[in-house]
Amino acid sequence: MMQNKNTLIAITGGIGSGKSFVSDILKSLNYPVVSCDNVCNNLYKKQSVKRKIKKIFPSAVSGKFFLTVDKKEISKHAFSDKEKYDALCTYLTQLTFDKTMKIAKRKKGKVFVEVPLLFEFNKQDLFDKVIVLKRNLEDRIESVKKRSNLSEEEIKKRIATQFDYEKIDSSKYIILENDGALENRKEEILNLIKNI
C-alpha cells in the first residue's frame, strides 16, 4: 500500500512571535495545519494525563474521581521551578509532540505543524522544512499581553525559558521577520508559502 505523500513543515518561534496568526492564514487557504497547542489542550482533558500532572503539581489539580486542572497554577510553579518545568516538559511536551506528529503524518500535501518548543527539544530534523518566526521583544510582549492575563514579568520569565532565536543558523531555515503589525505581513507570508 502506498503511503501518503506529504511535506512536513514546522512553524516555530518564541511566545508572541505570531505562530497562530500564520497558522490562521494557512487554514484560510485550506492547507492542513496541526497545532501542538490544540493537541495539548485535548490531552489536558484526559483523566490519565490529569493524574500524572497531579504528581508533578499537586496544588494545580483538584477533585478525587473527576480531576480538574488549574493551568494558571501549573504556569506559576513551572516557570519559577526548573525541576518542575523539566518534569512537565519531559512528560507532557513529549506526549504532545508524539500525538501531533501522528496526526500530521496522516495528512497529504504540504502539512504545516505549529511547534512552540521545536529547537528546545531538538525536533527540527524531523521536518522537511522549518519556518522560524522572529519578532522584536516589545511586539512579542504586547501581543501576549493582549491575548492573556499575564504580566510583563511573567511573559519575560517564559521567554527566558525558550530558545534564543537570534542565535539561529538562518541558512538552514526559512526565516520570517514578523516585526510591526502582523496584518502587514500577510502578503509576505503568502509569497513565502507559494515558494516552499
C-alpha atoms as a PDB file:
ATOM      1  CA  MET A   1       0.000   0.000   0.000  1.00  0.00           C
ATOM      2  CA  MET A   2       1.354   3.445  -0.937  1.00  0.00           C
ATOM      3  CA  GLN A   3       1.945   5.879   1.874  1.00  0.00           C
ATOM      4  CA  ASN A   4       0.531   9.405   1.839  1.00  0.00           C
ATOM      5  CA  LYS A   5       2.917  11.779   0.104  1.00  0.00           C
ATOM      6  CA  ASN A   6       3.410  14.830   2.261  1.00  0.00           C
ATOM      7  CA  THR A   7       5.882  17.549   3.135  1.00  0.00           C
ATOM      8  CA  LEU A   8       6.038  18.304   6.837  1.00  0.00           C
ATOM      9  CA  ILE A   9       6.741  21.977   7.517  1.00  0.00           C
ATOM     10  CA  ALA A  10       7.259  23.175  11.086  1.00  0.00           C
ATOM     11  CA  ILE A  11       6.201  26.660  12.138  1.00  0.00           C
ATOM     12  CA  THR A  12       8.072  27.782  15.218  1.00  0.00           C
ATOM     13  CA  GLY A  13       9.157  30.858  17.136  1.00  0.00           C
ATOM     14  CA  GLY A  14       9.058  32.258  20.633  1.00  0.00           C
ATOM     15  CA  ILE A  15       5.945  33.228  22.550  1.00  0.00           C
ATOM     16  CA  GLY A  16       4.204  36.163  20.832  1.00  0.00           C
ATOM     17  CA  SER A  17       6.078  35.726  17.524  1.00  0.00           C
ATOM     18  CA  GLY A  18       2.873  35.214  15.502  1.00  0.00           C
ATOM     19  CA  LYS A  19       2.628  31.424  15.087  1.00  0.00           C
ATOM     20  CA  SER A  20      -1.169  31.399  15.466  1.00  0.00           C
ATOM     21  CA  PHE A  21      -1.539  34.302  13.035  1.00  0.00           C
ATOM     22  CA  VAL A  22       0.473  32.466  10.363  1.00  0.00           C
ATOM     23  CA  SER A  23      -1.436  29.235  11.060  1.00  0.00           C
ATOM     24  CA  ASP A  24      -4.772  31.040  10.627  1.00  0.00           C
ATOM     25  CA  ILE A  25      -3.664  32.328   7.204  1.00  0.00           C
ATOM     26  CA  LEU A  26      -2.665  28.795   6.186  1.00  0.00           C
ATOM     27  CA  LYS A  27      -6.028  27.407   7.346  1.00  0.00           C
ATOM     28  CA  SER A  28      -7.856  30.099   5.354  1.00  0.00           C
ATOM     29  CA  LEU A  29      -6.015  28.788   2.269  1.00  0.00           C
ATOM     30  CA  ASN A  30      -7.163  25.227   3.125  1.00  0.00           C
ATOM     31  CA  TYR A  31      -3.702  23.934   3.997  1.00  0.00           C
ATOM     32  CA  PRO A  32      -3.682  21.240   6.684  1.00  0.00           C
ATOM     33  CA  VAL A  33      -2.382  22.734   9.938  1.00  0.00           C
ATOM     34  CA  VAL A  34      -1.759  20.744  13.107  1.00  0.00           C
ATOM     35  CA  SER A  35      -1.153  22.696  16.311  1.00  0.00           C
ATOM     36  CA  CYS A  36       0.771  21.314  19.283  1.00  0.00           C
ATOM     37  CA  ASP A  37      -1.193  23.734  21.496  1.00  0.00           C
ATOM     38  CA  ASN A  38      -4.535  22.304  20.337  1.00  0.00           C
ATOM     39  CA  VAL A  39      -3.308  18.738  20.818  1.00  0.00           C
ATOM     40  CA  CYS A  40      -2.025  19.635  24.290  1.00  0.00           C
ATOM     41  CA  ASN A  41      -5.360  21.232  25.248  1.00  0.00           C
ATOM     42  CA  ASN A  42      -7.125  17.981  24.297  1.00  0.00           C
ATOM     43  CA  LEU A  43      -4.643  15.920  26.308  1.00  0.00           C
ATOM     44  CA  TYR A  44      -5.419  18.057  29.358  1.00  0.00           C
ATOM     45  CA  LYS A  45      -8.989  16.703  29.202  1.00  0.00           C
ATOM     46  CA  LYS A  46      -7.853  13.099  29.741  1.00  0.00           C
ATOM     47  CA  GLN A  47      -8.091  11.795  33.306  1.00  0.00           C
ATOM     48  CA  SER A  48      -4.871   9.761  32.878  1.00  0.00           C
ATOM     49  CA  VAL A  49      -2.987  12.952  31.944  1.00  0.00           C
ATOM     50  CA  LYS A  50      -4.528  14.840  34.869  1.00  0.00           C
ATOM     51  CA  ARG A  51      -3.413  12.111  37.283  1.00  0.00           C
ATOM     52  CA  LYS A  52       0.154  12.313  36.003  1.00  0.00           C
ATOM     53  CA  ILE A  53       0.158  16.113  36.237  1.00  0.00           C
ATOM     54  CA  LYS A  54      -1.154  15.877  39.806  1.00  0.00           C
ATOM     55  CA  LYS A  55       2.025  14.008  40.764  1.00  0.00           C
ATOM     56  CA  ILE A  56       4.130  16.896  39.447  1.00  0.00           C
ATOM     57  CA  PHE A  57       1.856  19.770  40.543  1.00  0.00           C
ATOM     58  CA  PRO A  58      -0.347  18.560  43.446  1.00  0.00           C
ATOM     59  CA  SER A  59      -1.757  22.042  44.137  1.00  0.00           C
ATOM     60  CA  ALA A  60      -2.816  22.501  40.493  1.00  0.00           C
ATOM     61  CA  VAL A  61      -5.157  19.520  40.292  1.00  0.00           C
ATOM     62  CA  SER A  62      -8.339  19.243  42.376  1.00  0.00           C
ATOM     63  CA  GLY A  63     -11.025  16.602  42.732  1.00  0.00           C
ATOM     64  CA  LYS A  64     -10.978  12.922  43.576  1.00  0.00           C
ATOM     65  CA  PHE A  65     -12.596  10.957  40.750  1.00  0.00           C
ATOM     66  CA  PHE A  66     -13.087  13.659  38.117  1.00  0.00           C
ATOM     67  CA  LEU A  67      -9.981  15.813  38.277  1.00  0.00           C
ATOM     68  CA  THR A  68      -9.808  19.494  37.328  1.00  0.00           C
ATOM     69  CA  VAL A  69      -6.560  21.142  36.244  1.00  0.00           C
ATOM     70  CA  ASP A  70      -5.719  24.776  37.004  1.00  0.00           C
ATOM     71  CA  LYS A  71      -3.336  25.739  34.182  1.00  0.00           C
ATOM     72  CA  LYS A  72      -2.511  29.095  35.789  1.00  0.00           C
ATOM     73  CA  GLU A  73      -1.349  27.279  38.896  1.00  0.00           C
ATOM     74  CA  ILE A  74       0.814  24.995  36.753  1.00  0.00           C
ATOM     75  CA  SER A  75       2.360  28.000  34.979  1.00  0.00           C
ATOM     76  CA  LYS A  76       3.024  29.764  38.278  1.00  0.00           C
ATOM     77  CA  HIS A  77       5.093  26.828  39.538  1.00  0.00           C
ATOM     78  CA  ALA A  78       6.593  25.652  36.242  1.00  0.00           C
ATOM     79  CA  PHE A  79       8.118  28.997  35.336  1.00  0.00           C
ATOM     80  CA  SER A  80       9.642  29.535  38.771  1.00  0.00           C
ATOM     81  CA  ASP A  81      10.882  25.993  39.434  1.00  0.00           C
ATOM     82  CA  LYS A  82      13.181  24.493  36.783  1.00  0.00           C
ATOM     83  CA  GLU A  83      12.834  20.970  38.145  1.00  0.00           C
ATOM     84  CA  LYS A  84       9.045  21.082  37.839  1.00  0.00           C
ATOM     85  CA  TYR A  85       9.275  22.733  34.405  1.00  0.00           C
ATOM     86  CA  ASP A  86      11.600  19.960  33.199  1.00  0.00           C
ATOM     87  CA  ALA A  87       9.296  17.280  34.624  1.00  0.00           C
ATOM     88  CA  LEU A  88       6.286  18.801  32.867  1.00  0.00           C
ATOM     89  CA  CYS A  89       8.165  19.044  29.563  1.00  0.00           C
ATOM     90  CA  THR A  90       9.562  15.520  29.789  1.00  0.00           C
ATOM     91  CA  TYR A  91       6.065  14.139  30.202  1.00  0.00           C
ATOM     92  CA  LEU A  92       3.531  16.442  28.553  1.00  0.00           C
ATOM     93  CA  THR A  93       5.621  18.131  25.848  1.00  0.00           C
ATOM     94  CA  GLN A  94       6.904  14.797  24.537  1.00  0.00           C
ATOM     95  CA  LEU A  95       3.424  13.253  24.658  1.00  0.00           C
ATOM     96  CA  THR A  96       2.020  16.276  22.812  1.00  0.00           C
ATOM     97  CA  PHE A  97       4.703  16.164  20.132  1.00  0.00           C
ATOM     98  CA  ASP A  98       4.283  12.420  19.510  1.00  0.00           C
ATOM     99  CA  LYS A  99       0.498  12.775  19.162  1.00  0.00           C
ATOM    100  CA  THR A 100       0.867  15.855  16.909  1.00  0.00           C
ATOM    101  CA  MET A 101       3.260  14.047  14.566  1.00  0.00           C
ATOM    102  CA  LYS A 102       0.921  11.046  14.290  1.00  0.00           C
ATOM    103  CA  ILE A 103      -1.884  13.375  13.182  1.00  0.00           C
ATOM    104  CA  ALA A 104       0.364  15.317  10.770  1.00  0.00           C
ATOM    105  CA  LYS A 105       1.778  12.216   9.077  1.00  0.00           C
ATOM    106  CA  ARG A 106      -1.729  11.023   8.160  1.00  0.00           C
ATOM    107  CA  LYS A 107      -2.358  14.157   6.071  1.00  0.00           C
ATOM    108  CA  LYS A 108      -1.408  14.727   2.419  1.00  0.00           C
ATOM    109  CA  GLY A 109       0.443  17.502   0.600  1.00  0.00           C
ATOM    110  CA  LYS A 110       2.083  20.415   2.395  1.00  0.00           C
ATOM    111  CA  VAL A 111       1.312  19.868   6.065  1.00  0.00           C
ATOM    112  CA  PHE A 112       2.118  22.699   8.470  1.00  0.00           C
ATOM    113  CA  VAL A 113       2.807  21.854  12.101  1.00  0.00           C
ATOM    114  CA  GLU A 114       2.811  24.595  14.740  1.00  0.00           C
ATOM    115  CA  VAL A 115       5.529  23.564  17.222  1.00  0.00           C
ATOM    116  CA  PRO A 116       6.360  26.047  20.021  1.00  0.00           C
ATOM    117  CA  LEU A 117       9.350  24.176  21.518  1.00  0.00           C
ATOM    118  CA  LEU A 118      10.934  22.779  18.359  1.00  0.00           C
ATOM    119  CA  PHE A 119      14.573  23.657  18.976  1.00  0.00           C
ATOM    120  CA  GLU A 120      14.374  23.256  22.751  1.00  0.00           C
ATOM    121  CA  PHE A 121      13.657  19.545  22.165  1.00  0.00           C
ATOM    122  CA  ASN A 122      15.874  19.176  19.086  1.00  0.00           C
ATOM    123  CA  LYS A 123      12.996  18.069  16.819  1.00  0.00           C
ATOM    124  CA  GLN A 124      13.854  20.249  13.805  1.00  0.00           C
ATOM    125  CA  ASP A 125      15.390  17.404  11.768  1.00  0.00           C
ATOM    126  CA  LEU A 126      12.072  15.511  11.787  1.00  0.00           C
ATOM    127  CA  PHE A 127      10.657  18.086   9.355  1.00  0.00           C
ATOM    128  CA  ASP A 128      11.278  18.635   5.653  1.00  0.00           C
ATOM    129  CA  LYS A 129      11.340  22.401   6.196  1.00  0.00           C
ATOM    130  CA  VAL A 130      11.225  24.763   9.170  1.00  0.00           C
ATOM    131  CA  ILE A 131       9.734  28.273   9.169  1.00  0.00           C
ATOM    132  CA  VAL A 132      11.158  30.348  12.038  1.00  0.00           C
ATOM    133  CA  LEU A 133       9.162  33.410  13.061  1.00  0.00           C
ATOM    134  CA  LYS A 134      11.254  36.204  14.523  1.00  0.00           C
ATOM    135  CA  ARG A 135       9.831  39.323  16.132  1.00  0.00           C
ATOM    136  CA  ASN A 136      11.234  42.048  18.338  1.00  0.00           C
ATOM    137  CA  LEU A 137      10.789  41.686  22.076  1.00  0.00           C
ATOM    138  CA  GLU A 138       8.483  44.696  22.565  1.00  0.00           C
ATOM    139  CA  ASP A 139       5.994  43.478  19.928  1.00  0.00           C
ATOM    140  CA  ARG A 140       6.075  39.964  21.370  1.00  0.00           C
ATOM    141  CA  ILE A 141       5.327  41.197  24.888  1.00  0.00           C
ATOM    142  CA  GLU A 142       2.489  43.447  23.694  1.00  0.00           C
ATOM    143  CA  SER A 143       0.984  40.631  21.634  1.00  0.00           C
ATOM    144  CA  VAL A 144       0.951  38.222  24.590  1.00  0.00           C
ATOM    145  CA  LYS A 145      -0.464  40.897  26.919  1.00  0.00           C
ATOM    146  CA  LYS A 146      -3.405  41.441  24.545  1.00  0.00           C
ATOM    147  CA  ARG A 147      -4.369  37.772  24.419  1.00  0.00           C
ATOM    148  CA  SER A 148      -3.703  36.755  28.026  1.00  0.00           C
ATOM    149  CA  ASN A 149      -3.809  37.989  31.604  1.00  0.00           C
ATOM    150  CA  LEU A 150      -0.044  37.632  32.010  1.00  0.00           C
ATOM    151  CA  SER A 151       2.055  40.471  33.385  1.00  0.00           C
ATOM    152  CA  GLU A 152       5.174  41.669  31.578  1.00  0.00           C
ATOM    153  CA  GLU A 153       7.290  39.970  34.244  1.00  0.00           C
ATOM    154  CA  GLU A 154       5.505  36.626  33.684  1.00  0.00           C
ATOM    155  CA  ILE A 155       5.932  36.928  29.912  1.00  0.00           C
ATOM    156  CA  LYS A 156       9.641  37.651  30.265  1.00  0.00           C
ATOM    157  CA  LYS A 157      10.000  34.588  32.524  1.00  0.00           C
ATOM    158  CA  ARG A 158       8.516  32.442  29.782  1.00  0.00           C
ATOM    159  CA  ILE A 159      10.704  33.997  27.121  1.00  0.00           C
ATOM    160  CA  ALA A 160      13.756  33.283  29.290  1.00  0.00           C
ATOM    161  CA  THR A 161      12.979  29.530  29.235  1.00  0.00           C
ATOM    162  CA  GLN A 162      12.773  29.460  25.428  1.00  0.00           C
ATOM    163  CA  PHE A 163      15.343  29.008  22.695  1.00  0.00           C
ATOM    164  CA  ASP A 164      17.232  32.177  21.657  1.00  0.00           C
ATOM    165  CA  TYR A 165      16.139  32.593  18.034  1.00  0.00           C
ATOM    166  CA  GLU A 166      18.735  35.324  17.467  1.00  0.00           C
ATOM    167  CA  LYS A 167      21.396  32.593  17.503  1.00  0.00           C
ATOM    168  CA  ILE A 168      19.760  30.501  14.806  1.00  0.00           C
ATOM    169  CA  ASP A 169      21.621  29.479  11.639  1.00  0.00           C
ATOM    170  CA  SER A 170      19.450  31.341   9.124  1.00  0.00           C
ATOM    171  CA  SER A 171      20.995  29.460   6.174  1.00  0.00           C
ATOM    172  CA  LYS A 172      19.317  26.213   7.286  1.00  0.00           C
ATOM    173  CA  TYR A 173      15.785  27.504   7.875  1.00  0.00           C
ATOM    174  CA  ILE A 174      13.145  29.782   6.357  1.00  0.00           C
ATOM    175  CA  ILE A 175      13.173  32.978   8.419  1.00  0.00           C
ATOM    176  CA  LEU A 176      10.123  35.224   8.548  1.00  0.00           C
ATOM    177  CA  GLU A 177      10.612  38.588  10.246  1.00  0.00           C
ATOM    178  CA  ASN A 178       7.333  39.453  11.950  1.00  0.00           C
ATOM    179  CA  ASP A 179       8.080  42.916  13.365  1.00  0.00           C
ATOM    180  CA  GLY A 180       5.340  45.527  13.406  1.00  0.00           C
ATOM    181  CA  ALA A 181       1.639  44.879  12.840  1.00  0.00           C
ATOM    182  CA  LEU A 182       1.077  41.264  11.832  1.00  0.00           C
ATOM    183  CA  GLU A 183      -1.655  42.290   9.372  1.00  0.00           C
ATOM    184  CA  ASN A 184       1.065  43.953   7.256  1.00  0.00           C
ATOM    185  CA  ARG A 185       2.903  40.631   6.894  1.00  0.00           C
ATOM    186  CA  LYS A 186       0.102  38.748   5.154  1.00  0.00           C
ATOM    187  CA  GLU A 187       1.361  39.284   1.585  1.00  0.00           C
ATOM    188  CA  GLU A 188       4.875  38.286   2.579  1.00  0.00           C
ATOM    189  CA  ILE A 189       3.567  35.128   4.261  1.00  0.00           C
ATOM    190  CA  LEU A 190       1.520  34.207   1.170  1.00  0.00           C
ATOM    191  CA  ASN A 191       4.575  34.611  -1.079  1.00  0.00           C
ATOM    192  CA  LEU A 192       6.667  32.551   1.291  1.00  0.00           C
ATOM    193  CA  ILE A 193       4.145  29.679   1.243  1.00  0.00           C
ATOM    194  CA  LYS A 194       3.950  29.694  -2.564  1.00  0.00           C
ATOM    195  CA  ASN A 195       7.738  29.294  -2.792  1.00  0.00           C
ATOM    196  CA  ILE A 196       8.009  26.327  -0.406  1.00  0.00           C
END
